Amino acid sequence: MASQKVHGQVLQPGSACLTCRQRKTKCDGVRPICGRCARLGKQCAFENETRKPRTERLLDKIALLESKIAAYDPQNAHLSYNSDGGMTSQASSSRNVADDHASIGHPPSEGYLAQELSSTHSSSSSSPSTGRPMELLPIYPQSSFAMLHGGGVDGGDLNIVHTSSVAYNAVISCEVLEHSLHQWNGQGDVPEFLCDYLVRLFLPHRSQFHFHADVRSFLTRIHLPANYPQALHPAFLNSVFLLACHVSLSTTRSSVIATYERIFLQRTRTQLEQSLAYADRLTHFLWGSAFLGSYYTRCGRFVEAYNTISAAVRFAVGCGIDAFSFPHNGATCQPFDMLQSDTNYEAAFMHLQSGSVPTSRDGKLLAPSNSPEELLRRNHLWGAIFLTDRTLVEASGMPSSVPRAALDIIHQHAFNMTLEELMTPMMHDSQRHPSLSGHVALDYAGSIRLRVNGTCLMEAIQSLAITMKGPDAANRLGSGSFWQTFNLLGARTQRDKTAFPPLNSAFSLEHAECVNTAAGIVAPYPNPTIFVCMLLNYAAEIQLHQLLNDVLSFHSQRTSHGTSNVTEMQRNAERRGVKAAHGMAGLLRVVISPSSGHDSPGLTTDGTHGSGDRGIGAISSIYADTSLAVYVHLACHVLMKDVERHHQLPVSNQDKADLWTTFDNLGVLIGGLMDFSRSQPSFRADAHKLRNTMKDRSSKIFGV
């Protein structure tokens, strides 16, 4: 007689029949035929043996996976994962001293990377261990271990390949990073070799986070004991590790790196709280806050970014580091340590104990600045905080957290007058005028000032555009104040363009990142700092001539006098804006990574962009600054507007040749927009629309 189950009784795991389990339907477990199978006339069968406990089944699965790993990579057959996520060795305990040193200083070497690159000279090779395409990450070529022992460029690690076939002169395989991360369980101190890798993965991207410190000093301090006076605070180090994982994910979709990114995010937040609670190395606290704010902004987590950055701004102003200034007359400074611990611990402790709020420049939380080097250190930090705030404002539309007085100081140094004075210039005051040269010393301080000046120029153009949309626009146009400000900003834009160092300049780079040539020390790849400043300059030129076109349209609507002249000026403004957009596309072409495998990133025969969907970008991660998306988006629409204007008119053969160039450059800009806007869905959606429109227009004009 068939066994019966009590109605409503919960079955034990493994008691359901195989048919119901496969169909994922409810089973009453009645043997030999369950009620559902008897009702539907299905064949019913049960497992003969009791199902293994979950722990045993997981162990069996681990053993199966280890056997598969061993089949793919015999070198690592002796490795297995322990319960805390670390990696243990099952090999014999008879090892020599060299093997012990290798296990402490570096992860097990995977020499296939050097062999593959040297034999194929292509980064699109497949990994011999997994068979997936080899993903290469830029890494700083000089290790902290070499720095500690007074060595030069690190050449002892077989995982690091020095090559000129990619966008940076040293690379590491993504698998090596994953392997190194797996050897740490996420608890306690980060192992030295992993710390070295993560810091060196961050350094090629440091200009995106406005970090232009003395790298040699930075590398020699990352392994100092935590209680050492010159040691880097864990909050600062963990924020660097967080950004290293984040920028690596712009090249790969590794779930391992994504997991450790979340671990470092939590550690950064915890350590920042501790740094502030004990007033410990407060400059490092501010650097960590700026980096965390940048991370949130790049991830599209704007509310968290605003809370983090606004708190850092208020704290920096309270500490008095917002007095932004640089040496005058182009005076240069020797490389110095930007991260020197300058906390007055006793005063800070008494200050917090009293419960009082710090006032600007009271010198209680931070010791007074007693040297030009210390002043530049704080200027560099404040410049990084200011630029992080501006990036958030551009990306989210949220209000700036920087006080008006602090903004006036920054614009005072950029233009020799405040932004308000620049918008209402004193036309008859010959004793005071905005600075056109914007001279920047080519030293460590100059790196941050170049970006600050470019950002201030963009902000001035945007402010002028806002004033021309107000009720007094006609008065400003009639009185000539608009034209005076416009001409000054236009002259400053052109002056900056001619003042930039060459794109292969060693400016702001370390010797380890450069090469010696007959012409001197140069960068073997486009300089990221100069690249960003040039792109900002093109964007300023586009925005300036768009503003001129809008103002002329406003003028032509108000009066019919001189309409032909106004129309010609509008066309000239449009041509100059289009020319600047083409220039930006040419600049992006220079930084297309050879690892993308796209020789021509522009328009293909089917009218689409050569890089396909571009889930992982063709632009190397060292240039993929997400704050540039808004400017590339602007250039895309300028060229698309030019295409639409020609699309509505008869097209001659010469026009077709020009349009082909426009389509090609538009494809480059759209691809760049997708690379720069990975965390900004609105820009990515617009990029897809632009690409579809470009494909439609090209098919109608060229018949492809």
Foldseek 3Di string as FASTA:
>chain_A
DKDFADPPDDDDPQLAWPVCVVVVHDWRSIPPDTPVCVVVVHDTHGDPDDDDDPVVVVVVVQVVVLVVLCVQPVVCNQWGADPLLAIDGNDDPDDDPVVVCCVQQFPPADLVVQVVCVVPVFQQDADSRPRHGWFKAQFQQQWLVCLQVVHDGDDPGSQWAQDLSWQFRIIGTPVRLLRQLSNDSLDDDRRPNNLRRLLRSLVLQVVLLLDLADVSVVSPQDPDDCPDQFHQQQLLSLLSSLVSLVLSCLGPVDPSSVVVNVSSLVSNVVSLVVCVVQLNLVLSSLNSLSSNLLVCLLQVVLVVSCVSLLVSQVVLQLQQLLLADADPPLDDDDRDGLRNRFFPNVLLVVCVVVVDGRHHPPCRGGHDDDDNVNNLSSNSSNLSSQVSQVLSCVQPVDDGSHDQVSQQSLVCLLFVGGLVCLLQPDVPDPVGGTDQQSDAHLHSSSLSSLVSNLSVLLVSLVVLLVVCVDPCVVVCVVVVSSVVSLVSSVSSLVNSLVPQDDQFACRSHDQSRWDQDPVGTTGSHGDLSSLVSLLSSLLSLLSSLVSLLVSLVVVCVVDVPPVVVSVVSNVVSLVSNLVSLLVNLVSLLRQQIVNLVFPQQFQDPLQFGRSPLCPNARGRSSNLSLSCLVSLLSSLVSLVVVLVVVLVDDADPVNVVVVVSSRRSSSSSLRSNCSSRVSPVVSVVVSVVSRVVSSVSCCVPVVD
